[in-house]
Amino acid sequence: MPNLNVYLVEGYSAAQKSTLLRRMTDAVVDSIAAPRPSVRIFLVELPRAHICVGGDLLTADELAGQPGGPTVHVFLIAGRSDAQKEALIGSLTRVVEDTLAIPPDPVRVMIFDVANTDFGMKGVTAKSLGR
Protein backbone atom coordinates (compact mmCIF):
# COMPACT_ATOMS: atom_id res chain seq x y z
CA MET A 1 0.00 0.00 0.00
CA PRO A 2 2.82 2.47 0.36
CA ASN A 3 1.91 5.60 -1.56
CA LEU A 4 4.49 8.36 -1.88
CA ASN A 5 3.95 11.90 -3.07
CA VAL A 6 7.28 13.44 -4.02
CA TYR A 7 7.28 17.23 -4.37
CA LEU A 8 10.28 18.28 -6.41
CA VAL A 9 11.41 21.56 -7.93
CA GLU A 10 11.35 21.48 -11.72
CA GLY A 11 14.52 21.24 -13.76
CA TYR A 12 15.72 17.65 -13.41
CA SER A 13 16.18 15.47 -16.49
CA ALA A 14 13.86 12.63 -17.40
CA ALA A 15 16.68 10.18 -16.67
CA GLN A 16 17.23 11.64 -13.18
CA LYS A 17 13.52 11.47 -12.39
CA SER A 18 13.25 7.91 -13.67
CA THR A 19 16.25 6.85 -11.59
CA LEU A 20 14.84 8.66 -8.55
CA LEU A 21 11.50 6.85 -8.80
CA ARG A 22 13.08 3.42 -9.34
CA ARG A 23 15.51 3.87 -6.45
CA MET A 24 12.76 5.20 -4.16
CA THR A 25 10.73 2.09 -4.96
CA ASP A 26 13.73 -0.07 -4.04
CA ALA A 27 14.17 1.90 -0.79
CA VAL A 28 10.55 1.27 0.22
CA VAL A 29 10.76 -2.44 -0.61
CA ASP A 30 14.08 -2.87 1.20
CA SER A 31 13.24 -0.74 4.27
CA ILE A 32 9.75 -1.93 5.17
CA ALA A 33 9.44 -5.19 3.20
CA ALA A 34 6.57 -3.85 1.10
CA PRO A 35 5.63 -5.91 -1.95
CA ARG A 36 7.04 -4.12 -5.00
CA PRO A 37 3.70 -4.13 -6.91
CA SER A 38 2.01 -2.31 -4.02
CA VAL A 39 4.41 0.69 -4.08
CA ARG A 40 3.02 3.74 -5.85
CA ILE A 41 4.97 6.97 -6.24
CA PHE A 42 3.55 10.20 -7.62
CA LEU A 43 6.06 12.83 -8.69
CA VAL A 44 4.80 16.41 -8.46
CA GLU A 45 7.09 18.94 -10.14
CA LEU A 46 6.79 22.54 -9.01
CA PRO A 47 8.08 25.74 -10.57
CA ARG A 48 10.75 27.42 -8.43
CA ALA A 49 8.50 30.45 -7.99
CA HIS A 50 5.90 28.20 -6.30
CA ILE A 51 8.19 27.10 -3.47
CA CYS A 52 8.81 29.20 -0.39
CA VAL A 53 11.39 28.35 2.28
CA GLY A 54 11.54 30.51 5.38
CA GLY A 55 9.50 33.22 3.72
CA ASP A 56 11.74 33.43 0.65
CA LEU A 57 10.88 32.11 -2.77
CA LEU A 58 13.23 29.38 -3.92
CA THR A 59 14.49 31.67 -6.66
CA ALA A 60 15.95 33.94 -3.96
CA ASP A 61 17.41 30.97 -2.03
CA GLU A 62 18.97 29.72 -5.23
CA LEU A 63 20.84 33.00 -5.60
CA ALA A 64 22.26 32.48 -2.13
CA GLY A 65 23.47 28.99 -3.14
CA GLN A 66 20.99 27.10 -0.96
CA PRO A 67 19.21 24.35 -2.88
CA GLY A 68 15.58 23.61 -2.20
CA GLY A 69 15.10 20.03 -1.21
CA PRO A 70 12.18 17.83 -2.07
CA THR A 71 9.48 16.87 0.38
CA VAL A 72 8.28 13.28 0.41
CA HIS A 73 4.94 12.31 1.96
CA VAL A 74 4.74 8.58 2.67
CA PHE A 75 1.34 7.05 3.38
CA LEU A 76 1.46 3.61 5.01
CA ILE A 77 -1.09 1.27 6.50
CA ALA A 78 -0.40 1.62 10.23
CA GLY A 79 1.69 -1.03 11.91
CA ARG A 80 5.28 -0.52 10.75
CA SER A 81 7.86 -0.37 13.52
CA ASP A 82 9.78 2.76 14.48
CA ALA A 83 12.95 1.06 13.20
CA GLN A 84 11.36 0.42 9.80
CA LYS A 85 10.22 4.04 9.56
CA GLU A 86 13.67 5.30 10.55
CA ALA A 87 15.25 3.06 7.90
CA LEU A 88 12.78 4.29 5.28
CA ILE A 89 13.43 7.97 6.07
CA GLY A 90 17.18 7.42 5.86
CA SER A 91 16.97 5.41 2.65
CA LEU A 92 14.73 7.90 0.86
CA THR A 93 16.99 10.78 1.91
CA ARG A 94 20.08 8.96 0.61
CA VAL A 95 18.34 8.24 -2.71
CA VAL A 96 17.64 11.96 -3.15
CA GLU A 97 21.21 12.83 -2.25
CA ASP A 98 22.76 10.22 -4.55
CA THR A 99 20.41 10.71 -7.49
CA LEU A 100 19.88 14.48 -7.52
CA ALA A 101 23.02 15.68 -5.69
CA ILE A 102 20.92 17.41 -3.03
CA PRO A 103 22.45 17.34 0.47
CA PRO A 104 20.31 15.82 3.25
CA ASP A 105 19.67 19.12 5.10
CA PRO A 106 16.82 20.43 2.93
CA VAL A 107 15.20 17.01 2.31
CA ARG A 108 11.98 16.37 4.25
CA VAL A 109 10.30 12.96 4.62
CA MET A 110 6.99 12.70 6.46
CA ILE A 111 5.32 9.39 7.24
CA PHE A 112 1.57 9.23 7.71
CA ASP A 113 0.13 6.08 9.27
CA VAL A 114 -3.30 5.28 7.86
CA ALA A 115 -5.62 2.94 9.77
CA ASN A 116 -6.52 -0.13 7.75
CA THR A 117 -10.15 0.98 8.05
CA ASP A 118 -9.29 4.32 6.44
CA PHE A 119 -7.61 3.04 3.29
CA GLY A 120 -9.53 1.45 0.46
CA MET A 121 -8.53 -0.87 -2.36
CA LYS A 122 -10.75 -2.70 -4.83
CA GLY A 123 -13.73 -0.84 -3.42
CA VAL A 124 -13.31 -2.11 0.15
CA THR A 125 -11.16 -1.30 3.17
CA ALA A 126 -7.66 -2.67 3.57
CA LYS A 127 -8.86 -4.34 6.78
CA SER A 128 -11.47 -6.35 4.89
CA LEU A 129 -8.66 -7.55 2.61
CA GLY A 130 -6.67 -8.78 5.60
CA ARG A 131 -4.16 -5.96 5.66
C-alpha atoms as a PDB file:
ATOM      1  CA  MET A   1       0.000   0.000   0.000  1.00  0.00           C
ATOM      2  CA  PRO A   2       2.823   2.468   0.363  1.00  0.00           C
ATOM      3  CA  ASN A   3       1.915   5.601  -1.561  1.00  0.00           C
ATOM      4  CA  LEU A   4       4.494   8.357  -1.878  1.00  0.00           C
ATOM      5  CA  ASN A   5       3.948  11.904  -3.072  1.00  0.00           C
ATOM      6  CA  VAL A   6       7.282  13.444  -4.022  1.00  0.00           C
ATOM      7  CA  TYR A   7       7.276  17.233  -4.366  1.00  0.00           C
ATOM      8  CA  LEU A   8      10.280  18.281  -6.414  1.00  0.00           C
ATOM      9  CA  VAL A   9      11.413  21.558  -7.933  1.00  0.00           C
ATOM     10  CA  GLU A  10      11.349  21.481 -11.717  1.00  0.00           C
ATOM     11  CA  GLY A  11      14.517  21.238 -13.758  1.00  0.00           C
ATOM     12  CA  TYR A  12      15.719  17.655 -13.414  1.00  0.00           C
ATOM     13  CA  SER A  13      16.181  15.474 -16.488  1.00  0.00           C
ATOM     14  CA  ALA A  14      13.857  12.628 -17.404  1.00  0.00           C
ATOM     15  CA  ALA A  15      16.684  10.185 -16.675  1.00  0.00           C
ATOM     16  CA  GLN A  16      17.232  11.641 -13.179  1.00  0.00           C
ATOM     17  CA  LYS A  17      13.517  11.467 -12.390  1.00  0.00           C
ATOM     18  CA  SER A  18      13.251   7.907 -13.669  1.00  0.00           C
ATOM     19  CA  THR A  19      16.252   6.845 -11.586  1.00  0.00           C
ATOM     20  CA  LEU A  20      14.844   8.663  -8.551  1.00  0.00           C
ATOM     21  CA  LEU A  21      11.503   6.852  -8.802  1.00  0.00           C
ATOM     22  CA  ARG A  22      13.082   3.418  -9.343  1.00  0.00           C
ATOM     23  CA  ARG A  23      15.511   3.868  -6.453  1.00  0.00           C
ATOM     24  CA  MET A  24      12.762   5.196  -4.157  1.00  0.00           C
ATOM     25  CA  THR A  25      10.725   2.087  -4.961  1.00  0.00           C
ATOM     26  CA  ASP A  26      13.734  -0.070  -4.038  1.00  0.00           C
ATOM     27  CA  ALA A  27      14.167   1.899  -0.789  1.00  0.00           C
ATOM     28  CA  VAL A  28      10.547   1.271   0.219  1.00  0.00           C
ATOM     29  CA  VAL A  29      10.763  -2.444  -0.606  1.00  0.00           C
ATOM     30  CA  ASP A  30      14.079  -2.874   1.202  1.00  0.00           C
ATOM     31  CA  SER A  31      13.237  -0.737   4.272  1.00  0.00           C
ATOM     32  CA  ILE A  32       9.751  -1.928   5.169  1.00  0.00           C
ATOM     33  CA  ALA A  33       9.442  -5.191   3.197  1.00  0.00           C
ATOM     34  CA  ALA A  34       6.567  -3.852   1.098  1.00  0.00           C
ATOM     35  CA  PRO A  35       5.630  -5.913  -1.947  1.00  0.00           C
ATOM     36  CA  ARG A  36       7.043  -4.123  -5.001  1.00  0.00           C
ATOM     37  CA  PRO A  37       3.699  -4.132  -6.912  1.00  0.00           C
ATOM     38  CA  SER A  38       2.013  -2.306  -4.017  1.00  0.00           C
ATOM     39  CA  VAL A  39       4.405   0.686  -4.076  1.00  0.00           C
ATOM     40  CA  ARG A  40       3.015   3.744  -5.850  1.00  0.00           C
ATOM     41  CA  ILE A  41       4.973   6.967  -6.243  1.00  0.00           C
ATOM     42  CA  PHE A  42       3.549  10.197  -7.616  1.00  0.00           C
ATOM     43  CA  LEU A  43       6.058  12.835  -8.688  1.00  0.00           C
ATOM     44  CA  VAL A  44       4.798  16.410  -8.461  1.00  0.00           C
ATOM     45  CA  GLU A  45       7.086  18.944 -10.144  1.00  0.00           C
ATOM     46  CA  LEU A  46       6.792  22.535  -9.007  1.00  0.00           C
ATOM     47  CA  PRO A  47       8.077  25.745 -10.565  1.00  0.00           C
ATOM     48  CA  ARG A  48      10.751  27.416  -8.427  1.00  0.00           C
ATOM     49  CA  ALA A  49       8.502  30.452  -7.993  1.00  0.00           C
ATOM     50  CA  HIS A  50       5.901  28.198  -6.304  1.00  0.00           C
ATOM     51  CA  ILE A  51       8.194  27.097  -3.473  1.00  0.00           C
ATOM     52  CA  CYS A  52       8.806  29.198  -0.393  1.00  0.00           C
ATOM     53  CA  VAL A  53      11.390  28.354   2.275  1.00  0.00           C
ATOM     54  CA  GLY A  54      11.538  30.507   5.385  1.00  0.00           C
ATOM     55  CA  GLY A  55       9.497  33.219   3.724  1.00  0.00           C
ATOM     56  CA  ASP A  56      11.735  33.431   0.654  1.00  0.00           C
ATOM     57  CA  LEU A  57      10.881  32.110  -2.773  1.00  0.00           C
ATOM     58  CA  LEU A  58      13.233  29.385  -3.920  1.00  0.00           C
ATOM     59  CA  THR A  59      14.493  31.670  -6.657  1.00  0.00           C
ATOM     60  CA  ALA A  60      15.948  33.939  -3.959  1.00  0.00           C
ATOM     61  CA  ASP A  61      17.409  30.971  -2.033  1.00  0.00           C
ATOM     62  CA  GLU A  62      18.971  29.719  -5.233  1.00  0.00           C
ATOM     63  CA  LEU A  63      20.840  33.001  -5.601  1.00  0.00           C
ATOM     64  CA  ALA A  64      22.263  32.478  -2.132  1.00  0.00           C
ATOM     65  CA  GLY A  65      23.468  28.994  -3.144  1.00  0.00           C
ATOM     66  CA  GLN A  66      20.993  27.101  -0.957  1.00  0.00           C
ATOM     67  CA  PRO A  67      19.214  24.347  -2.885  1.00  0.00           C
ATOM     68  CA  GLY A  68      15.576  23.614  -2.195  1.00  0.00           C
ATOM     69  CA  GLY A  69      15.098  20.030  -1.211  1.00  0.00           C
ATOM     70  CA  PRO A  70      12.182  17.826  -2.068  1.00  0.00           C
ATOM     71  CA  THR A  71       9.477  16.875   0.376  1.00  0.00           C
ATOM     72  CA  VAL A  72       8.278  13.283   0.412  1.00  0.00           C
ATOM     73  CA  HIS A  73       4.936  12.312   1.962  1.00  0.00           C
ATOM     74  CA  VAL A  74       4.745   8.585   2.668  1.00  0.00           C
ATOM     75  CA  PHE A  75       1.337   7.055   3.381  1.00  0.00           C
ATOM     76  CA  LEU A  76       1.460   3.608   5.005  1.00  0.00           C
ATOM     77  CA  ILE A  77      -1.088   1.274   6.503  1.00  0.00           C
ATOM     78  CA  ALA A  78      -0.405   1.618  10.231  1.00  0.00           C
ATOM     79  CA  GLY A  79       1.694  -1.032  11.906  1.00  0.00           C
ATOM     80  CA  ARG A  80       5.278  -0.516  10.751  1.00  0.00           C
ATOM     81  CA  SER A  81       7.863  -0.375  13.516  1.00  0.00           C
ATOM     82  CA  ASP A  82       9.776   2.764  14.480  1.00  0.00           C
ATOM     83  CA  ALA A  83      12.945   1.063  13.199  1.00  0.00           C
ATOM     84  CA  GLN A  84      11.359   0.419   9.795  1.00  0.00           C
ATOM     85  CA  LYS A  85      10.217   4.040   9.558  1.00  0.00           C
ATOM     86  CA  GLU A  86      13.665   5.302  10.546  1.00  0.00           C
ATOM     87  CA  ALA A  87      15.249   3.064   7.903  1.00  0.00           C
ATOM     88  CA  LEU A  88      12.779   4.293   5.282  1.00  0.00           C
ATOM     89  CA  ILE A  89      13.429   7.969   6.066  1.00  0.00           C
ATOM     90  CA  GLY A  90      17.183   7.417   5.861  1.00  0.00           C
ATOM     91  CA  SER A  91      16.974   5.409   2.647  1.00  0.00           C
ATOM     92  CA  LEU A  92      14.733   7.896   0.864  1.00  0.00           C
ATOM     93  CA  THR A  93      16.985  10.785   1.909  1.00  0.00           C
ATOM     94  CA  ARG A  94      20.077   8.958   0.611  1.00  0.00           C
ATOM     95  CA  VAL A  95      18.338   8.235  -2.709  1.00  0.00           C
ATOM     96  CA  VAL A  96      17.638  11.965  -3.149  1.00  0.00           C
ATOM     97  CA  GLU A  97      21.215  12.834  -2.247  1.00  0.00           C
ATOM     98  CA  ASP A  98      22.760  10.221  -4.548  1.00  0.00           C
ATOM     99  CA  THR A  99      20.407  10.715  -7.486  1.00  0.00           C
ATOM    100  CA  LEU A 100      19.880  14.482  -7.521  1.00  0.00           C
ATOM    101  CA  ALA A 101      23.024  15.679  -5.688  1.00  0.00           C
ATOM    102  CA  ILE A 102      20.917  17.415  -3.032  1.00  0.00           C
ATOM    103  CA  PRO A 103      22.449  17.337   0.472  1.00  0.00           C
ATOM    104  CA  PRO A 104      20.313  15.824   3.253  1.00  0.00           C
ATOM    105  CA  ASP A 105      19.668  19.117   5.099  1.00  0.00           C
ATOM    106  CA  PRO A 106      16.822  20.434   2.925  1.00  0.00           C
ATOM    107  CA  VAL A 107      15.197  17.009   2.313  1.00  0.00           C
ATOM    108  CA  ARG A 108      11.979  16.374   4.247  1.00  0.00           C
ATOM    109  CA  VAL A 109      10.297  12.960   4.616  1.00  0.00           C
ATOM    110  CA  MET A 110       6.990  12.702   6.465  1.00  0.00           C
ATOM    111  CA  ILE A 111       5.317   9.391   7.243  1.00  0.00           C
ATOM    112  CA  PHE A 112       1.569   9.233   7.712  1.00  0.00           C
ATOM    113  CA  ASP A 113       0.131   6.082   9.274  1.00  0.00           C
ATOM    114  CA  VAL A 114      -3.302   5.282   7.862  1.00  0.00           C
ATOM    115  CA  ALA A 115      -5.621   2.944   9.767  1.00  0.00           C
ATOM    116  CA  ASN A 116      -6.522  -0.130   7.749  1.00  0.00           C
ATOM    117  CA  THR A 117     -10.150   0.975   8.049  1.00  0.00           C
ATOM    118  CA  ASP A 118      -9.294   4.321   6.442  1.00  0.00           C
ATOM    119  CA  PHE A 119      -7.612   3.037   3.294  1.00  0.00           C
ATOM    120  CA  GLY A 120      -9.535   1.445   0.463  1.00  0.00           C
ATOM    121  CA  MET A 121      -8.534  -0.867  -2.358  1.00  0.00           C
ATOM    122  CA  LYS A 122     -10.748  -2.696  -4.833  1.00  0.00           C
ATOM    123  CA  GLY A 123     -13.726  -0.841  -3.422  1.00  0.00           C
ATOM    124  CA  VAL A 124     -13.310  -2.107   0.149  1.00  0.00           C
ATOM    125  CA  THR A 125     -11.165  -1.300   3.174  1.00  0.00           C
ATOM    126  CA  ALA A 126      -7.662  -2.671   3.567  1.00  0.00           C
ATOM    127  CA  LYS A 127      -8.864  -4.338   6.780  1.00  0.00           C
ATOM    128  CA  SER A 128     -11.466  -6.347   4.889  1.00  0.00           C
ATOM    129  CA  LEU A 129      -8.660  -7.552   2.606  1.00  0.00           C
ATOM    130  CA  GLY A 130      -6.666  -8.781   5.605  1.00  0.00           C
ATOM    131  CA  ARG A 131      -4.155  -5.958   5.656  1.00  0.00           C
END
